[in-house]
Structure formats: C-alpha cells, structure tokens
Amino acid sequence: MSIKSDKWIRHMAQAHGIIEPFEPRQIREANNARIISYGTSSYGYDIRCSNEFKIFTNINSAVVDPKNFDASSFVDVQSDVCIIPPNSFALARTVEYFRIPRSVLTICLGKSTYARCGIIVNITPLEPEWEGHVTLEFSNTTPLPAKVYANEGVAQVVFFESDELCETSYRDRSGKYQGQTGVTLPKA
C-alpha cells in the first residue's frame, strides 16, 4: 500500500472523476479575502464544508441512540457560517462528491486551523468503491461558541492505494451510506 501524491490525485480526479468539483491546486484566497485553504496538497486533498448544517439541540430532551436516531435532535441551518454552541456538535457535508476506486482507501484528518481552536473534525475512512458527499462531524470542545466556515477547507483526505484489489468493496456489500447526498444522519 502506498500513499498517493498530488500528481496521482490530479490525474485520478481529471481522468476518473474521483472528486467533483475538483480544485487542482491549493486555494487560500477568495474574493480578495484569506480563507482556510482547500484543494490539492502535496499528498492529499483539502475538502470544503458546504453551507448545510445540522446543529445538535436539546430542546426535545432526546437520547442520542445510533440504532434509533431521533432527527429532532438537530436544528437545520443553511448559512455561510455555522455557530456551534459550547461543548456541542454539528453535522455538515462536503462540497465535493467522491468516487473511491476499488484499490483505494482514504483517511480523513481535520485541519490544524480548526484543531488549534478546539474544533475537532471527525470523518470516517472512505472505503473502496464508496461514493457520495462526505458527512462531516464537528465537535466544539470549548466552553465558547465556535465558528465553522462554509466553502472553506475543513479536513484533508489522504489516499492510499493497495497493490491488490480488495475481495469485497463497500459497493459489493451494499453499504448503507452508499451514494449519500446532503447531510446524512445515522442509519441502523
């Protein structure tokens, strides 16, 4: 298994559509303002957060149960900025749609800009032959409200390619999050 470089990422995105929309370079400015960078990096791709958010709320005193999730635990927000309450949590999705090849596994790691502010970005691996918008999980570990910016970088995807194909891919086993669009809640 080997980690893939910017050259491989650009080729796979342009020839095989593994990332759409795709930015072949690092973008650090938009509309004459500095932003949190996104696009192709040396050995990965910095993904962006869309403007669709689901923010945890306790107005219904629901219990968080991954086997029987109550959607009323969230408030839907569409905005260029999401304010996550102190010690709380929000879901979002990537701007980018991914199509992972059968020989590839990705690991996603939060950007240091957010980590240094106490905002943890959690994303599970993208498995071979998974496709969709990535659901992003943001935890505000601070006692203060925290901002997440839409259409700016939030995490980096690192691509690993195996020297052999997996026996069973995510698509083969009909994974429950295959082809997801929008912010996708837990499914039992």
N, C-alpha and C. Protein backbone atom coordinates (compact mmCIF):
# COMPACT_ATOMS: atom_id res chain seq x y z
N MET A 1 0.85 -1.16 0.00
CA MET A 1 0.00 0.00 0.00
C MET A 1 0.90 1.22 0.00
N SER A 2 0.53 2.22 -0.79
CA SER A 2 1.32 3.44 -0.86
C SER A 2 0.42 4.67 -0.77
N ILE A 3 0.98 5.72 -0.18
CA ILE A 3 0.27 7.00 -0.13
C ILE A 3 0.41 7.67 -1.49
N LYS A 4 -0.64 8.34 -1.92
CA LYS A 4 -0.65 8.92 -3.27
C LYS A 4 -0.34 10.42 -3.24
N SER A 5 0.38 10.86 -4.27
CA SER A 5 0.84 12.25 -4.35
C SER A 5 -0.17 13.14 -5.08
N ASP A 6 0.15 14.43 -5.08
CA ASP A 6 -0.67 15.41 -5.77
C ASP A 6 -0.81 15.08 -7.25
N LYS A 7 0.23 14.57 -7.87
CA LYS A 7 0.19 14.20 -9.30
C LYS A 7 -0.86 13.10 -9.53
N TRP A 8 -0.88 12.07 -8.68
CA TRP A 8 -1.85 10.97 -8.78
C TRP A 8 -3.26 11.50 -8.55
N ILE A 9 -3.43 12.36 -7.54
CA ILE A 9 -4.75 12.91 -7.22
C ILE A 9 -5.29 13.71 -8.41
N ARG A 10 -4.45 14.57 -8.99
CA ARG A 10 -4.90 15.36 -10.15
C ARG A 10 -5.29 14.45 -11.31
N HIS A 11 -4.46 13.43 -11.58
CA HIS A 11 -4.78 12.51 -12.68
C HIS A 11 -6.10 11.79 -12.43
N MET A 12 -6.28 11.23 -11.25
CA MET A 12 -7.49 10.45 -10.94
C MET A 12 -8.73 11.35 -10.93
N ALA A 13 -8.60 12.58 -10.47
CA ALA A 13 -9.75 13.48 -10.46
C ALA A 13 -10.12 13.90 -11.87
N GLN A 14 -9.14 14.22 -12.68
CA GLN A 14 -9.42 14.71 -14.03
C GLN A 14 -9.79 13.58 -14.99
N ALA A 15 -9.17 12.41 -14.86
CA ALA A 15 -9.43 11.30 -15.80
C ALA A 15 -10.57 10.39 -15.34
N HIS A 16 -10.79 10.28 -14.02
CA HIS A 16 -11.76 9.31 -13.50
C HIS A 16 -12.84 9.90 -12.61
N GLY A 17 -12.81 11.22 -12.39
CA GLY A 17 -13.88 11.87 -11.62
C GLY A 17 -13.99 11.44 -10.17
N ILE A 18 -12.85 11.18 -9.50
CA ILE A 18 -12.95 10.72 -8.11
C ILE A 18 -13.35 11.84 -7.15
N ILE A 19 -13.15 13.11 -7.55
CA ILE A 19 -13.53 14.26 -6.73
C ILE A 19 -14.21 15.27 -7.66
N GLU A 20 -15.46 15.65 -7.32
CA GLU A 20 -16.17 16.67 -8.10
C GLU A 20 -16.97 17.58 -7.17
N PRO A 21 -16.82 18.89 -7.27
CA PRO A 21 -15.88 19.61 -8.10
C PRO A 21 -14.46 19.42 -7.57
N PHE A 22 -13.49 19.58 -8.46
CA PHE A 22 -12.09 19.34 -8.14
C PHE A 22 -11.29 20.62 -8.32
N GLU A 23 -10.42 20.89 -7.37
CA GLU A 23 -9.51 22.04 -7.46
C GLU A 23 -8.08 21.50 -7.53
N PRO A 24 -7.39 21.67 -8.66
CA PRO A 24 -6.06 21.07 -8.85
C PRO A 24 -4.94 21.72 -8.05
N ARG A 25 -5.21 22.84 -7.40
CA ARG A 25 -4.16 23.50 -6.60
C ARG A 25 -4.75 23.93 -5.26
N GLN A 26 -3.90 24.42 -4.37
CA GLN A 26 -4.34 24.92 -3.07
C GLN A 26 -4.90 26.33 -3.23
N ILE A 27 -6.10 26.56 -2.77
CA ILE A 27 -6.75 27.88 -2.81
C ILE A 27 -6.70 28.46 -1.40
N ARG A 28 -6.14 29.66 -1.28
CA ARG A 28 -6.00 30.32 0.03
C ARG A 28 -6.70 31.67 0.09
N GLU A 29 -7.29 32.09 -1.04
CA GLU A 29 -7.93 33.39 -1.09
C GLU A 29 -9.15 33.31 -1.98
N ALA A 30 -10.21 34.00 -1.59
CA ALA A 30 -11.43 34.09 -2.40
C ALA A 30 -12.02 35.48 -2.21
N ASN A 31 -12.42 36.10 -3.29
CA ASN A 31 -13.00 37.45 -3.23
C ASN A 31 -12.09 38.42 -2.47
N ASN A 32 -10.78 38.33 -2.74
CA ASN A 32 -9.78 39.20 -2.12
C ASN A 32 -9.71 39.07 -0.60
N ALA A 33 -10.09 37.93 -0.07
CA ALA A 33 -10.02 37.69 1.38
C ALA A 33 -9.34 36.34 1.63
N ARG A 34 -8.56 36.27 2.71
CA ARG A 34 -7.94 34.99 3.09
C ARG A 34 -9.01 34.03 3.57
N ILE A 35 -8.85 32.77 3.19
CA ILE A 35 -9.78 31.73 3.62
C ILE A 35 -8.96 30.55 4.15
N ILE A 36 -9.64 29.61 4.79
CA ILE A 36 -8.99 28.37 5.21
C ILE A 36 -8.85 27.53 3.95
N SER A 37 -7.62 27.15 3.62
CA SER A 37 -7.29 26.58 2.31
C SER A 37 -8.03 25.28 2.00
N TYR A 38 -8.23 25.07 0.70
CA TYR A 38 -8.80 23.83 0.18
C TYR A 38 -8.15 23.52 -1.16
N GLY A 39 -8.33 22.29 -1.62
CA GLY A 39 -7.79 21.86 -2.90
C GLY A 39 -6.65 20.87 -2.72
N THR A 40 -5.95 20.60 -3.82
CA THR A 40 -4.89 19.60 -3.82
C THR A 40 -3.68 20.08 -3.03
N SER A 41 -3.19 19.20 -2.16
CA SER A 41 -1.97 19.47 -1.40
C SER A 41 -0.92 18.43 -1.80
N SER A 42 0.21 18.42 -1.16
CA SER A 42 1.32 17.53 -1.56
C SER A 42 0.92 16.06 -1.62
N TYR A 43 0.25 15.59 -0.58
CA TYR A 43 -0.14 14.17 -0.50
C TYR A 43 -1.58 14.02 -0.03
N GLY A 44 -2.46 14.88 -0.49
CA GLY A 44 -3.85 14.79 -0.08
C GLY A 44 -4.69 15.83 -0.77
N TYR A 45 -5.93 15.91 -0.31
CA TYR A 45 -6.87 16.88 -0.86
C TYR A 45 -7.64 17.49 0.30
N ASP A 46 -7.58 18.82 0.41
CA ASP A 46 -8.29 19.53 1.47
C ASP A 46 -9.72 19.79 1.03
N ILE A 47 -10.66 19.18 1.74
CA ILE A 47 -12.08 19.25 1.39
C ILE A 47 -12.73 20.46 2.03
N ARG A 48 -13.86 20.88 1.41
CA ARG A 48 -14.62 22.03 1.89
C ARG A 48 -15.93 21.58 2.53
N CYS A 49 -16.41 22.40 3.40
CA CYS A 49 -17.71 22.20 4.04
C CYS A 49 -18.76 22.96 3.25
N SER A 50 -19.89 22.33 2.98
CA SER A 50 -20.99 23.04 2.30
C SER A 50 -21.67 23.98 3.30
N ASN A 51 -22.71 24.64 2.86
CA ASN A 51 -23.44 25.57 3.75
C ASN A 51 -24.66 24.92 4.40
N GLU A 52 -24.73 23.59 4.39
CA GLU A 52 -25.83 22.85 5.03
C GLU A 52 -25.33 22.28 6.35
N PHE A 53 -25.98 22.65 7.45
CA PHE A 53 -25.56 22.20 8.77
C PHE A 53 -26.74 21.64 9.55
N LYS A 54 -26.44 20.70 10.42
CA LYS A 54 -27.40 20.20 11.41
C LYS A 54 -26.71 20.36 12.76
N ILE A 55 -27.29 21.20 13.62
CA ILE A 55 -26.69 21.51 14.92
C ILE A 55 -27.47 20.79 16.00
N PHE A 56 -26.75 20.09 16.88
CA PHE A 56 -27.40 19.40 17.98
C PHE A 56 -28.14 20.39 18.87
N THR A 57 -29.31 19.98 19.32
CA THR A 57 -30.09 20.78 20.26
C THR A 57 -30.69 19.84 21.30
N ASN A 58 -30.97 20.37 22.45
CA ASN A 58 -31.57 19.55 23.50
C ASN A 58 -32.99 20.00 23.81
N ILE A 59 -33.62 20.68 22.88
CA ILE A 59 -34.97 21.20 23.18
C ILE A 59 -36.00 20.10 23.37
N ASN A 60 -35.75 18.92 22.81
CA ASN A 60 -36.71 17.81 22.96
C ASN A 60 -36.25 16.77 23.96
N SER A 61 -35.15 17.03 24.67
CA SER A 61 -34.60 16.10 25.67
C SER A 61 -34.49 14.67 25.14
N ALA A 62 -34.07 14.55 23.89
CA ALA A 62 -33.92 13.23 23.27
C ALA A 62 -32.62 12.57 23.74
N VAL A 63 -32.59 11.26 23.67
CA VAL A 63 -31.39 10.49 23.94
C VAL A 63 -30.74 10.18 22.60
N VAL A 64 -29.44 10.37 22.50
CA VAL A 64 -28.73 10.08 21.25
C VAL A 64 -28.52 8.57 21.17
N ASP A 65 -29.17 7.94 20.21
CA ASP A 65 -29.13 6.49 20.06
C ASP A 65 -28.80 6.16 18.60
N PRO A 66 -27.59 5.65 18.30
CA PRO A 66 -27.23 5.37 16.91
C PRO A 66 -28.10 4.30 16.24
N LYS A 67 -28.80 3.47 17.03
CA LYS A 67 -29.68 2.45 16.45
C LYS A 67 -31.10 2.96 16.21
N ASN A 68 -31.45 4.05 16.86
CA ASN A 68 -32.79 4.62 16.73
C ASN A 68 -32.67 6.13 16.86
N PHE A 69 -32.09 6.74 15.84
CA PHE A 69 -31.75 8.15 15.93
C PHE A 69 -32.98 9.03 15.74
N ASP A 70 -33.11 10.01 16.63
CA ASP A 70 -34.22 10.95 16.59
C ASP A 70 -33.76 12.21 15.86
N ALA A 71 -34.24 12.43 14.66
CA ALA A 71 -33.83 13.58 13.84
C ALA A 71 -34.19 14.91 14.47
N SER A 72 -35.12 14.90 15.43
CA SER A 72 -35.47 16.16 16.09
C SER A 72 -34.38 16.62 17.05
N SER A 73 -33.30 15.85 17.16
CA SER A 73 -32.15 16.25 17.98
C SER A 73 -31.34 17.34 17.31
N PHE A 74 -31.66 17.65 16.05
CA PHE A 74 -30.90 18.64 15.28
C PHE A 74 -31.79 19.79 14.85
N VAL A 75 -31.17 20.94 14.66
CA VAL A 75 -31.79 22.10 14.03
C VAL A 75 -31.06 22.29 12.70
N ASP A 76 -31.81 22.40 11.61
CA ASP A 76 -31.22 22.60 10.29
C ASP A 76 -30.88 24.07 10.09
N VAL A 77 -29.68 24.32 9.58
CA VAL A 77 -29.22 25.68 9.31
C VAL A 77 -28.56 25.70 7.94
N GLN A 78 -28.90 26.69 7.15
CA GLN A 78 -28.22 26.91 5.87
C GLN A 78 -27.61 28.30 5.95
N SER A 79 -26.26 28.34 5.96
CA SER A 79 -25.57 29.61 6.18
C SER A 79 -24.11 29.49 5.75
N ASP A 80 -23.47 30.64 5.52
CA ASP A 80 -22.05 30.65 5.21
C ASP A 80 -21.18 30.45 6.44
N VAL A 81 -21.80 30.55 7.62
CA VAL A 81 -21.10 30.33 8.89
C VAL A 81 -22.02 29.54 9.80
N CYS A 82 -21.46 28.54 10.46
CA CYS A 82 -22.21 27.77 11.45
C CYS A 82 -21.61 28.07 12.82
N ILE A 83 -22.45 28.49 13.74
CA ILE A 83 -22.01 28.71 15.12
C ILE A 83 -22.39 27.47 15.92
N ILE A 84 -21.39 26.75 16.39
CA ILE A 84 -21.62 25.54 17.20
C ILE A 84 -21.59 25.96 18.66
N PRO A 85 -22.66 25.67 19.41
CA PRO A 85 -22.70 26.05 20.82
C PRO A 85 -21.54 25.41 21.61
N PRO A 86 -21.22 25.97 22.77
CA PRO A 86 -20.15 25.40 23.60
C PRO A 86 -20.40 23.92 23.90
N ASN A 87 -19.33 23.15 23.89
CA ASN A 87 -19.39 21.72 24.22
C ASN A 87 -20.50 21.02 23.44
N SER A 88 -20.67 21.36 22.19
CA SER A 88 -21.73 20.79 21.38
C SER A 88 -21.18 20.21 20.09
N PHE A 89 -22.07 19.97 19.14
CA PHE A 89 -21.75 19.15 17.99
C PHE A 89 -22.60 19.59 16.82
N ALA A 90 -22.06 19.46 15.61
CA ALA A 90 -22.83 19.75 14.39
C ALA A 90 -22.41 18.79 13.29
N LEU A 91 -23.32 18.54 12.38
CA LEU A 91 -23.03 17.76 11.18
C LEU A 91 -23.10 18.69 9.98
N ALA A 92 -22.34 18.35 8.96
CA ALA A 92 -22.38 19.08 7.69
C ALA A 92 -22.03 18.07 6.61
N ARG A 93 -21.81 18.56 5.40
CA ARG A 93 -21.36 17.68 4.32
C ARG A 93 -20.32 18.42 3.51
N THR A 94 -19.58 17.66 2.72
CA THR A 94 -18.59 18.27 1.85
C THR A 94 -19.25 18.90 0.64
N VAL A 95 -18.58 19.89 0.07
CA VAL A 95 -18.95 20.42 -1.23
C VAL A 95 -18.66 19.34 -2.28
N GLU A 96 -17.56 18.64 -2.09
CA GLU A 96 -17.09 17.64 -3.05
C GLU A 96 -17.85 16.32 -2.94
N TYR A 97 -18.05 15.70 -4.10
CA TYR A 97 -18.65 14.36 -4.20
C TYR A 97 -17.49 13.43 -4.56
N PHE A 98 -17.36 12.32 -3.84
CA PHE A 98 -16.24 11.39 -4.04
C PHE A 98 -16.69 10.08 -4.68
N ARG A 99 -15.83 9.52 -5.51
CA ARG A 99 -15.97 8.18 -6.08
C ARG A 99 -14.64 7.46 -5.84
N ILE A 100 -14.60 6.62 -4.84
CA ILE A 100 -13.35 5.98 -4.43
C ILE A 100 -13.13 4.72 -5.27
N PRO A 101 -11.95 4.59 -5.93
CA PRO A 101 -11.65 3.38 -6.71
C PRO A 101 -11.55 2.14 -5.82
N ARG A 102 -11.71 0.99 -6.41
CA ARG A 102 -11.69 -0.28 -5.69
C ARG A 102 -10.35 -0.55 -5.00
N SER A 103 -9.26 -0.03 -5.51
CA SER A 103 -7.94 -0.29 -4.93
C SER A 103 -7.52 0.77 -3.92
N VAL A 104 -8.42 1.70 -3.56
CA VAL A 104 -8.05 2.85 -2.73
C VAL A 104 -8.86 2.89 -1.44
N LEU A 105 -8.19 3.32 -0.38
CA LEU A 105 -8.80 3.61 0.92
C LEU A 105 -8.33 5.01 1.30
N THR A 106 -9.21 5.82 1.87
CA THR A 106 -8.78 7.15 2.30
C THR A 106 -8.94 7.28 3.81
N ILE A 107 -8.08 8.11 4.37
CA ILE A 107 -8.16 8.50 5.76
C ILE A 107 -8.37 10.01 5.75
N CYS A 108 -9.25 10.51 6.60
CA CYS A 108 -9.55 11.94 6.65
C CYS A 108 -9.13 12.50 8.00
N LEU A 109 -8.44 13.61 7.97
CA LEU A 109 -7.95 14.24 9.19
C LEU A 109 -8.33 15.72 9.20
N GLY A 110 -8.73 16.22 10.35
CA GLY A 110 -9.10 17.63 10.47
C GLY A 110 -7.92 18.56 10.23
N LYS A 111 -8.21 19.75 9.76
CA LYS A 111 -7.16 20.75 9.52
C LYS A 111 -6.70 21.35 10.85
N SER A 112 -5.42 21.67 10.92
CA SER A 112 -4.85 22.20 12.16
C SER A 112 -5.46 23.53 12.56
N THR A 113 -5.91 24.33 11.60
CA THR A 113 -6.53 25.62 11.93
C THR A 113 -7.72 25.42 12.86
N TYR A 114 -8.56 24.43 12.58
CA TYR A 114 -9.71 24.15 13.45
C TYR A 114 -9.27 23.46 14.74
N ALA A 115 -8.36 22.50 14.63
CA ALA A 115 -7.91 21.77 15.82
C ALA A 115 -7.33 22.72 16.87
N ARG A 116 -6.61 23.73 16.41
CA ARG A 116 -6.00 24.69 17.33
C ARG A 116 -7.02 25.61 18.00
N CYS A 117 -8.25 25.56 17.50
CA CYS A 117 -9.35 26.33 18.12
C CYS A 117 -10.26 25.43 18.95
N GLY A 118 -9.90 24.16 19.11
CA GLY A 118 -10.72 23.24 19.90
C GLY A 118 -11.88 22.65 19.13
N ILE A 119 -11.85 22.78 17.81
CA ILE A 119 -12.90 22.20 16.97
C ILE A 119 -12.34 20.93 16.34
N ILE A 120 -12.91 19.81 16.69
CA ILE A 120 -12.45 18.52 16.19
C ILE A 120 -13.33 18.12 15.01
N VAL A 121 -12.70 17.81 13.89
CA VAL A 121 -13.42 17.34 12.70
C VAL A 121 -13.20 15.84 12.62
N ASN A 122 -14.29 15.07 12.69
CA ASN A 122 -14.19 13.62 12.62
C ASN A 122 -14.86 13.14 11.34
N ILE A 123 -14.13 12.33 10.60
CA ILE A 123 -14.65 11.75 9.37
C ILE A 123 -14.15 10.32 9.31
N THR A 124 -15.03 9.39 9.05
CA THR A 124 -14.61 8.00 8.96
C THR A 124 -13.91 7.76 7.62
N PRO A 125 -13.12 6.67 7.51
CA PRO A 125 -12.44 6.39 6.24
C PRO A 125 -13.45 6.24 5.09
N LEU A 126 -13.01 6.62 3.90
CA LEU A 126 -13.80 6.39 2.70
C LEU A 126 -13.29 5.07 2.12
N GLU A 127 -14.15 4.08 2.10
CA GLU A 127 -13.76 2.72 1.73
C GLU A 127 -13.74 2.51 0.23
N PRO A 128 -13.07 1.43 -0.22
CA PRO A 128 -13.04 1.12 -1.65
C PRO A 128 -14.45 1.04 -2.25
N GLU A 129 -14.65 1.74 -3.35
CA GLU A 129 -15.90 1.84 -4.11
C GLU A 129 -17.05 2.51 -3.37
N TRP A 130 -16.72 3.29 -2.32
CA TRP A 130 -17.75 4.14 -1.72
C TRP A 130 -17.86 5.38 -2.58
N GLU A 131 -19.08 5.95 -2.65
CA GLU A 131 -19.24 7.23 -3.31
C GLU A 131 -20.31 8.04 -2.62
N GLY A 132 -20.17 9.38 -2.69
CA GLY A 132 -21.15 10.28 -2.13
C GLY A 132 -20.51 11.55 -1.60
N HIS A 133 -21.36 12.40 -1.02
CA HIS A 133 -20.86 13.55 -0.26
C HIS A 133 -20.46 13.01 1.10
N VAL A 134 -19.36 13.47 1.63
CA VAL A 134 -18.89 13.03 2.94
C VAL A 134 -19.65 13.80 4.01
N THR A 135 -20.20 13.07 4.99
CA THR A 135 -20.81 13.72 6.14
C THR A 135 -19.69 14.08 7.11
N LEU A 136 -19.66 15.33 7.52
CA LEU A 136 -18.63 15.86 8.41
C LEU A 136 -19.20 15.98 9.82
N GLU A 137 -18.41 15.61 10.80
CA GLU A 137 -18.82 15.73 12.19
C GLU A 137 -17.90 16.74 12.88
N PHE A 138 -18.46 17.81 13.43
CA PHE A 138 -17.70 18.85 14.12
C PHE A 138 -18.04 18.82 15.59
N SER A 139 -17.03 18.69 16.45
CA SER A 139 -17.22 18.78 17.90
C SER A 139 -16.56 20.06 18.39
N ASN A 140 -17.33 20.88 19.08
CA ASN A 140 -16.77 22.08 19.71
C ASN A 140 -16.43 21.68 21.14
N THR A 141 -15.15 21.50 21.41
CA THR A 141 -14.71 21.05 22.73
C THR A 141 -14.49 22.21 23.70
N THR A 142 -14.77 23.42 23.26
CA THR A 142 -14.50 24.59 24.09
C THR A 142 -15.75 25.03 24.87
N PRO A 143 -15.55 25.86 25.91
CA PRO A 143 -16.70 26.41 26.64
C PRO A 143 -17.27 27.66 25.96
N LEU A 144 -16.84 27.93 24.72
CA LEU A 144 -17.27 29.12 23.97
C LEU A 144 -17.94 28.70 22.67
N PRO A 145 -18.80 29.54 22.09
CA PRO A 145 -19.33 29.24 20.76
C PRO A 145 -18.17 29.21 19.75
N ALA A 146 -18.29 28.38 18.71
CA ALA A 146 -17.22 28.24 17.72
C ALA A 146 -17.79 28.34 16.32
N LYS A 147 -17.03 28.96 15.41
CA LYS A 147 -17.46 29.14 14.02
C LYS A 147 -16.83 28.08 13.11
N VAL A 148 -17.64 27.60 12.17
CA VAL A 148 -17.17 26.78 11.05
C VAL A 148 -17.62 27.51 9.79
N TYR A 149 -16.70 27.66 8.84
CA TYR A 149 -16.97 28.42 7.62
C TYR A 149 -17.31 27.52 6.45
N ALA A 150 -18.44 27.80 5.81
CA ALA A 150 -18.84 27.06 4.61
C ALA A 150 -17.94 27.46 3.45
N ASN A 151 -17.77 26.54 2.51
CA ASN A 151 -16.99 26.74 1.28
C ASN A 151 -15.53 27.03 1.53
N GLU A 152 -15.03 26.61 2.70
CA GLU A 152 -13.60 26.71 3.02
C GLU A 152 -13.13 25.35 3.51
N GLY A 153 -11.81 25.17 3.57
CA GLY A 153 -11.24 23.89 3.96
C GLY A 153 -11.53 23.52 5.40
N VAL A 154 -11.81 22.22 5.62
CA VAL A 154 -12.08 21.74 6.99
C VAL A 154 -11.28 20.49 7.35
N ALA A 155 -10.87 19.72 6.34
CA ALA A 155 -10.16 18.47 6.61
C ALA A 155 -9.37 18.06 5.37
N GLN A 156 -8.41 17.15 5.58
CA GLN A 156 -7.62 16.65 4.46
C GLN A 156 -7.88 15.16 4.28
N VAL A 157 -8.11 14.78 3.02
CA VAL A 157 -8.28 13.38 2.66
C VAL A 157 -6.93 12.89 2.13
N VAL A 158 -6.43 11.79 2.70
CA VAL A 158 -5.18 11.17 2.26
C VAL A 158 -5.55 9.85 1.59
N PHE A 159 -5.02 9.62 0.40
CA PHE A 159 -5.36 8.45 -0.41
C PHE A 159 -4.26 7.39 -0.30
N PHE A 160 -4.68 6.15 -0.03
CA PHE A 160 -3.77 5.02 0.00
C PHE A 160 -4.23 4.04 -1.07
N GLU A 161 -3.29 3.59 -1.91
CA GLU A 161 -3.63 2.62 -2.94
C GLU A 161 -2.94 1.30 -2.65
N SER A 162 -3.70 0.22 -2.69
CA SER A 162 -3.17 -1.12 -2.44
C SER A 162 -2.59 -1.69 -3.73
N ASP A 163 -1.68 -2.63 -3.57
CA ASP A 163 -1.12 -3.30 -4.75
C ASP A 163 -2.00 -4.47 -5.19
N GLU A 164 -3.10 -4.68 -4.49
CA GLU A 164 -4.08 -5.69 -4.91
C GLU A 164 -5.48 -5.18 -4.60
N LEU A 165 -6.47 -5.66 -5.35
CA LEU A 165 -7.86 -5.25 -5.13
C LEU A 165 -8.43 -5.97 -3.92
N CYS A 166 -9.31 -5.28 -3.20
CA CYS A 166 -9.97 -5.91 -2.06
C CYS A 166 -10.95 -6.97 -2.57
N GLU A 167 -11.21 -7.95 -1.74
CA GLU A 167 -12.14 -9.02 -2.12
C GLU A 167 -13.58 -8.51 -2.14
N THR A 168 -13.93 -7.69 -1.13
CA THR A 168 -15.29 -7.16 -1.03
C THR A 168 -15.22 -5.66 -0.79
N SER A 169 -15.80 -4.89 -1.69
CA SER A 169 -15.80 -3.43 -1.55
C SER A 169 -17.07 -2.96 -0.84
N TYR A 170 -17.10 -1.67 -0.54
CA TYR A 170 -18.28 -1.07 0.08
C TYR A 170 -19.50 -1.25 -0.82
N ARG A 171 -19.31 -1.06 -2.11
CA ARG A 171 -20.40 -1.24 -3.08
C ARG A 171 -20.86 -2.70 -3.09
N ASP A 172 -19.92 -3.66 -3.07
CA ASP A 172 -20.27 -5.09 -3.11
C ASP A 172 -21.19 -5.47 -1.95
N ARG A 173 -20.93 -4.91 -0.78
CA ARG A 173 -21.74 -5.28 0.39
C ARG A 173 -22.93 -4.35 0.59
N SER A 174 -23.22 -3.51 -0.42
CA SER A 174 -24.37 -2.59 -0.37
C SER A 174 -24.37 -1.76 0.90
N GLY A 175 -23.25 -1.08 1.15
CA GLY A 175 -23.10 -0.24 2.34
C GLY A 175 -24.24 0.78 2.46
N LYS A 176 -24.69 1.00 3.69
CA LYS A 176 -25.89 1.81 3.93
C LYS A 176 -25.70 3.30 3.64
N TYR A 177 -24.46 3.77 3.49
CA TYR A 177 -24.24 5.18 3.19
C TYR A 177 -23.78 5.39 1.74
N GLN A 178 -23.93 4.38 0.91
CA GLN A 178 -23.53 4.48 -0.49
C GLN A 178 -24.38 5.50 -1.22
N GLY A 179 -23.72 6.42 -1.96
CA GLY A 179 -24.43 7.39 -2.78
C GLY A 179 -25.10 8.50 -2.00
N GLN A 180 -24.70 8.71 -0.74
CA GLN A 180 -25.37 9.72 0.07
C GLN A 180 -25.14 11.13 -0.49
N THR A 181 -26.19 11.92 -0.40
CA THR A 181 -26.11 13.34 -0.74
C THR A 181 -26.73 14.08 0.43
N GLY A 182 -26.36 15.33 0.60
CA GLY A 182 -26.86 16.07 1.76
C GLY A 182 -26.23 15.57 3.04
N VAL A 183 -26.60 16.17 4.15
CA VAL A 183 -26.10 15.76 5.45
C VAL A 183 -26.87 14.50 5.85
N THR A 184 -26.16 13.40 6.02
CA THR A 184 -26.81 12.11 6.25
C THR A 184 -26.72 11.72 7.74
N LEU A 185 -27.88 11.49 8.34
CA LEU A 185 -27.95 11.09 9.76
C LEU A 185 -27.61 9.61 9.91
N PRO A 186 -27.34 9.15 11.14
CA PRO A 186 -27.03 7.74 11.37
C PRO A 186 -28.17 6.82 10.91
N LYS A 187 -27.77 5.68 10.35
CA LYS A 187 -28.73 4.65 9.94
C LYS A 187 -28.39 3.38 10.68
N ALA A 188 -29.40 2.72 11.21
CA ALA A 188 -29.16 1.46 11.93
C ALA A 188 -29.01 0.32 10.97
